[in-house]
């Protein structure tokens, strides 16, 4: 195994392994402009710098928090700049949290509607022998 240094470089397979993603994911992120594609040297193997590992980790973590790839692309320069004001990032996180809470409220309404539907279907089974003609879901 190679020694760990700041100048360590990885082939795409090594990068994918270290970052815990597939090679196709690396290619996908390159096409989307989320990571840079290194030039191909005479040896034929692209060499990815070590910071690409942390960039991939950031992309994955941001996606897990619900950010779209477009939003992640907008966040990357903020993440890369140590002088970035936290308020800029906090504002984007607050907006994402608001979207998440709105979705959760919508899902809660959907859950309640499905539970009501199931309740009515259960009662109709006992009252009408389970005939679909009286089911709320099939009525227009």
C-alpha atoms as a PDB file:
ATOM      1  CA  UNK A   1       0.000   0.000   0.000  1.00  0.00           C
ATOM      2  CA  UNK A   2       1.212   3.519  -0.727  1.00  0.00           C
ATOM      3  CA  UNK A   3       2.284   5.841   2.073  1.00  0.00           C
ATOM      4  CA  UNK A   4      -0.261   8.501   2.959  1.00  0.00           C
ATOM      5  CA  UNK A   5       0.970  11.929   1.893  1.00  0.00           C
ATOM      6  CA  UNK A   6      -0.604  15.183   0.836  1.00  0.00           C
ATOM      7  CA  UNK A   7       0.780  14.600  -2.680  1.00  0.00           C
ATOM      8  CA  UNK A   8      -0.589  11.084  -3.027  1.00  0.00           C
ATOM      9  CA  UNK A   9      -2.425  10.458  -6.281  1.00  0.00           C
ATOM     10  CA  UNK A  10      -4.935   7.751  -7.115  1.00  0.00           C
ATOM     11  CA  UNK A  11      -6.038   5.870 -10.195  1.00  0.00           C
ATOM     12  CA  UNK A  12      -9.787   5.985 -10.703  1.00  0.00           C
ATOM     13  CA  UNK A  13     -10.165   2.512  -9.192  1.00  0.00           C
ATOM     14  CA  UNK A  14      -8.149   3.453  -6.126  1.00  0.00           C
ATOM     15  CA  UNK A  15     -10.063   6.707  -5.768  1.00  0.00           C
ATOM     16  CA  UNK A  16     -13.395   4.907  -5.973  1.00  0.00           C
ATOM     17  CA  UNK A  17     -12.277   2.332  -3.405  1.00  0.00           C
ATOM     18  CA  UNK A  18     -10.940   4.896  -0.924  1.00  0.00           C
ATOM     19  CA  UNK A  19     -14.004   7.129  -1.328  1.00  0.00           C
ATOM     20  CA  UNK A  20     -16.435   4.210  -1.049  1.00  0.00           C
ATOM     21  CA  UNK A  21     -18.088   4.822  -4.422  1.00  0.00           C
ATOM     22  CA  UNK A  22     -18.117   3.018  -7.738  1.00  0.00           C
ATOM     23  CA  UNK A  23     -15.964   3.964 -10.710  1.00  0.00           C
ATOM     24  CA  UNK A  24     -19.145   4.888 -12.597  1.00  0.00           C
ATOM     25  CA  UNK A  25     -20.042   7.306  -9.811  1.00  0.00           C
ATOM     26  CA  UNK A  26     -16.673   9.013 -10.266  1.00  0.00           C
ATOM     27  CA  UNK A  27     -17.325   9.288 -14.021  1.00  0.00           C
ATOM     28  CA  UNK A  28     -20.856  10.588 -13.354  1.00  0.00           C
ATOM     29  CA  UNK A  29     -19.587  13.288 -10.980  1.00  0.00           C
ATOM     30  CA  UNK A  30     -16.955  14.276 -13.546  1.00  0.00           C
ATOM     31  CA  UNK A  31     -19.622  14.694 -16.228  1.00  0.00           C
ATOM     32  CA  UNK A  32     -21.698  16.811 -13.820  1.00  0.00           C
ATOM     33  CA  UNK A  33     -18.723  19.042 -13.017  1.00  0.00           C
ATOM     34  CA  UNK A  34     -18.589  18.031  -9.351  1.00  0.00           C
ATOM     35  CA  UNK A  35     -15.018  16.766  -9.552  1.00  0.00           C
ATOM     36  CA  UNK A  36     -12.296  17.581 -12.032  1.00  0.00           C
ATOM     37  CA  UNK A  37     -11.113  15.017 -14.525  1.00  0.00           C
ATOM     38  CA  UNK A  38      -7.309  14.988 -14.549  1.00  0.00           C
ATOM     39  CA  UNK A  39      -5.421  14.991 -17.805  1.00  0.00           C
ATOM     40  CA  UNK A  40      -4.380  11.600 -19.112  1.00  0.00           C
ATOM     41  CA  UNK A  41      -0.558  11.346 -19.008  1.00  0.00           C
ATOM     42  CA  UNK A  42       1.570   9.267 -21.386  1.00  0.00           C
ATOM     43  CA  UNK A  43       1.193   6.282 -19.025  1.00  0.00           C
ATOM     44  CA  UNK A  44      -2.509   6.292 -19.867  1.00  0.00           C
ATOM     45  CA  UNK A  45      -3.804   6.373 -16.290  1.00  0.00           C
ATOM     46  CA  UNK A  46      -5.341   9.517 -14.900  1.00  0.00           C
ATOM     47  CA  UNK A  47      -4.013  10.439 -11.470  1.00  0.00           C
ATOM     48  CA  UNK A  48      -6.532  11.988  -9.081  1.00  0.00           C
ATOM     49  CA  UNK A  49      -5.183  14.208  -6.288  1.00  0.00           C
ATOM     50  CA  UNK A  50      -5.859  13.281  -2.654  1.00  0.00           C
ATOM     51  CA  UNK A  51      -8.283  16.204  -2.166  1.00  0.00           C
ATOM     52  CA  UNK A  52     -10.658  14.496  -4.621  1.00  0.00           C
ATOM     53  CA  UNK A  53     -11.410  11.955  -1.873  1.00  0.00           C
ATOM     54  CA  UNK A  54     -12.649  14.675   0.490  1.00  0.00           C
ATOM     55  CA  UNK A  55     -14.550  16.350  -2.360  1.00  0.00           C
ATOM     56  CA  UNK A  56     -16.335  13.070  -3.119  1.00  0.00           C
ATOM     57  CA  UNK A  57     -17.124  12.663   0.582  1.00  0.00           C
ATOM     58  CA  UNK A  58     -18.594  16.170   0.669  1.00  0.00           C
ATOM     59  CA  UNK A  59     -20.751  15.469  -2.402  1.00  0.00           C
ATOM     60  CA  UNK A  60     -22.073  12.243  -0.886  1.00  0.00           C
ATOM     61  CA  UNK A  61     -22.785  13.839   2.506  1.00  0.00           C
ATOM     62  CA  UNK A  62     -24.565  16.792   0.906  1.00  0.00           C
ATOM     63  CA  UNK A  63     -26.701  14.417  -1.140  1.00  0.00           C
ATOM     64  CA  UNK A  64     -27.583  12.453   1.995  1.00  0.00           C
ATOM     65  CA  UNK A  65     -28.785  15.731   3.515  1.00  0.00           C
ATOM     66  CA  UNK A  66     -31.143  16.159   0.561  1.00  0.00           C
ATOM     67  CA  UNK A  67     -29.195  18.609  -1.587  1.00  0.00           C
ATOM     68  CA  UNK A  68     -29.583  18.112  -5.320  1.00  0.00           C
ATOM     69  CA  UNK A  69     -26.495  17.779  -7.496  1.00  0.00           C
ATOM     70  CA  UNK A  70     -27.053  21.330  -8.748  1.00  0.00           C
ATOM     71  CA  UNK A  71     -27.187  22.583  -5.160  1.00  0.00           C
ATOM     72  CA  UNK A  72     -24.082  20.543  -4.310  1.00  0.00           C
ATOM     73  CA  UNK A  73     -22.254  22.142  -7.233  1.00  0.00           C
ATOM     74  CA  UNK A  74     -23.157  25.557  -5.779  1.00  0.00           C
ATOM     75  CA  UNK A  75     -21.954  24.491  -2.314  1.00  0.00           C
ATOM     76  CA  UNK A  76     -18.599  23.129  -3.463  1.00  0.00           C
ATOM     77  CA  UNK A  77     -16.861  26.515  -3.834  1.00  0.00           C
ATOM     78  CA  UNK A  78     -18.087  27.482  -0.362  1.00  0.00           C
ATOM     79  CA  UNK A  79     -16.710  24.238   1.061  1.00  0.00           C
ATOM     80  CA  UNK A  80     -13.371  24.674  -0.708  1.00  0.00           C
ATOM     81  CA  UNK A  81     -12.814  28.227   0.549  1.00  0.00           C
ATOM     82  CA  UNK A  82     -11.680  28.366   4.192  1.00  0.00           C
ATOM     83  CA  UNK A  83     -12.667  32.050   4.320  1.00  0.00           C
ATOM     84  CA  UNK A  84     -16.320  31.268   3.525  1.00  0.00           C
ATOM     85  CA  UNK A  85     -18.750  32.913   5.909  1.00  0.00           C
ATOM     86  CA  UNK A  86     -20.752  30.265   7.746  1.00  0.00           C
ATOM     87  CA  UNK A  87     -23.892  32.381   7.318  1.00  0.00           C
ATOM     88  CA  UNK A  88     -23.861  31.630   3.571  1.00  0.00           C
ATOM     89  CA  UNK A  89     -23.864  27.910   4.217  1.00  0.00           C
ATOM     90  CA  UNK A  90     -26.297  28.186   7.131  1.00  0.00           C
ATOM     91  CA  UNK A  91     -28.785  30.007   4.891  1.00  0.00           C
ATOM     92  CA  UNK A  92     -28.715  27.220   2.335  1.00  0.00           C
ATOM     93  CA  UNK A  93     -29.053  24.601   5.067  1.00  0.00           C
ATOM     94  CA  UNK A  94     -32.030  26.482   6.537  1.00  0.00           C
ATOM     95  CA  UNK A  95     -33.704  26.596   3.126  1.00  0.00           C
ATOM     96  CA  UNK A  96     -33.148  22.856   2.686  1.00  0.00           C
ATOM     97  CA  UNK A  97     -34.533  22.227   6.178  1.00  0.00           C
ATOM     98  CA  UNK A  98     -37.649  24.225   5.276  1.00  0.00           C
ATOM     99  CA  UNK A  99     -38.122  22.104   2.154  1.00  0.00           C
ATOM    100  CA  UNK A 100     -37.665  18.937   4.189  1.00  0.00           C
ATOM    101  CA  UNK A 101     -40.193  20.042   6.802  1.00  0.00           C
ATOM    102  CA  UNK A 102     -42.727  20.885   4.072  1.00  0.00           C
ATOM    103  CA  UNK A 103     -42.229  17.425   2.586  1.00  0.00           C
ATOM    104  CA  UNK A 104     -42.625  15.802   5.978  1.00  0.00           C
ATOM    105  CA  UNK A 105     -45.889  17.677   6.514  1.00  0.00           C
ATOM    106  CA  UNK A 106     -47.103  16.510   3.094  1.00  0.00           C
ATOM    107  CA  UNK A 107     -46.115  12.923   3.948  1.00  0.00           C
ATOM    108  CA  UNK A 108     -47.948  13.180   7.273  1.00  0.00           C
ATOM    109  CA  UNK A 109     -51.103  14.264   5.407  1.00  0.00           C
ATOM    110  CA  UNK A 110     -50.659  11.387   2.960  1.00  0.00           C
ATOM    111  CA  UNK A 111     -50.206   8.939   5.844  1.00  0.00           C
ATOM    112  CA  UNK A 112     -53.362  10.209   7.538  1.00  0.00           C
ATOM    113  CA  UNK A 113     -55.333   9.946   4.275  1.00  0.00           C
ATOM    114  CA  UNK A 114     -54.110   6.391   3.706  1.00  0.00           C
ATOM    115  CA  UNK A 115     -54.973   5.392   7.252  1.00  0.00           C
ATOM    116  CA  UNK A 116     -58.476   6.835   6.792  1.00  0.00           C
ATOM    117  CA  UNK A 117     -58.797   4.998   3.494  1.00  0.00           C
ATOM    118  CA  UNK A 118     -57.712   1.739   5.110  1.00  0.00           C
ATOM    119  CA  UNK A 119     -60.153   2.303   7.982  1.00  0.00           C
ATOM    120  CA  UNK A 120     -63.043   2.810   5.566  1.00  0.00           C
ATOM    121  CA  UNK A 121     -62.033  -0.197   3.487  1.00  0.00           C
ATOM    122  CA  UNK A 122     -61.835  -2.341   6.613  1.00  0.00           C
ATOM    123  CA  UNK A 123     -65.317  -1.240   7.702  1.00  0.00           C
ATOM    124  CA  UNK A 124     -66.736  -1.839   4.219  1.00  0.00           C
ATOM    125  CA  UNK A 125     -65.317  -5.362   4.238  1.00  0.00           C
ATOM    126  CA  UNK A 126     -67.425  -6.131   7.267  1.00  0.00           C
ATOM    127  CA  UNK A 127     -70.536  -4.224   6.145  1.00  0.00           C
ATOM    128  CA  UNK A 128     -70.586  -5.122   2.459  1.00  0.00           C
ATOM    129  CA  UNK A 129     -68.633  -8.347   2.216  1.00  0.00           C
ATOM    130  CA  UNK A 130     -65.595  -6.558   0.776  1.00  0.00           C
ATOM    131  CA  UNK A 131     -67.240  -5.388  -2.466  1.00  0.00           C
ATOM    132  CA  UNK A 132     -65.093  -2.845  -4.348  1.00  0.00           C
ATOM    133  CA  UNK A 133     -68.141  -0.941  -5.668  1.00  0.00           C
ATOM    134  CA  UNK A 134     -68.482   0.764  -2.285  1.00  0.00           C
ATOM    135  CA  UNK A 135     -64.796   1.428  -1.741  1.00  0.00           C
ATOM    136  CA  UNK A 136     -63.909   5.134  -1.471  1.00  0.00           C
ATOM    137  CA  UNK A 137     -60.800   4.631  -3.575  1.00  0.00           C
ATOM    138  CA  UNK A 138     -62.722   3.399  -6.618  1.00  0.00           C
ATOM    139  CA  UNK A 139     -65.488   6.020  -6.505  1.00  0.00           C
ATOM    140  CA  UNK A 140     -65.078   9.064  -8.733  1.00  0.00           C
END
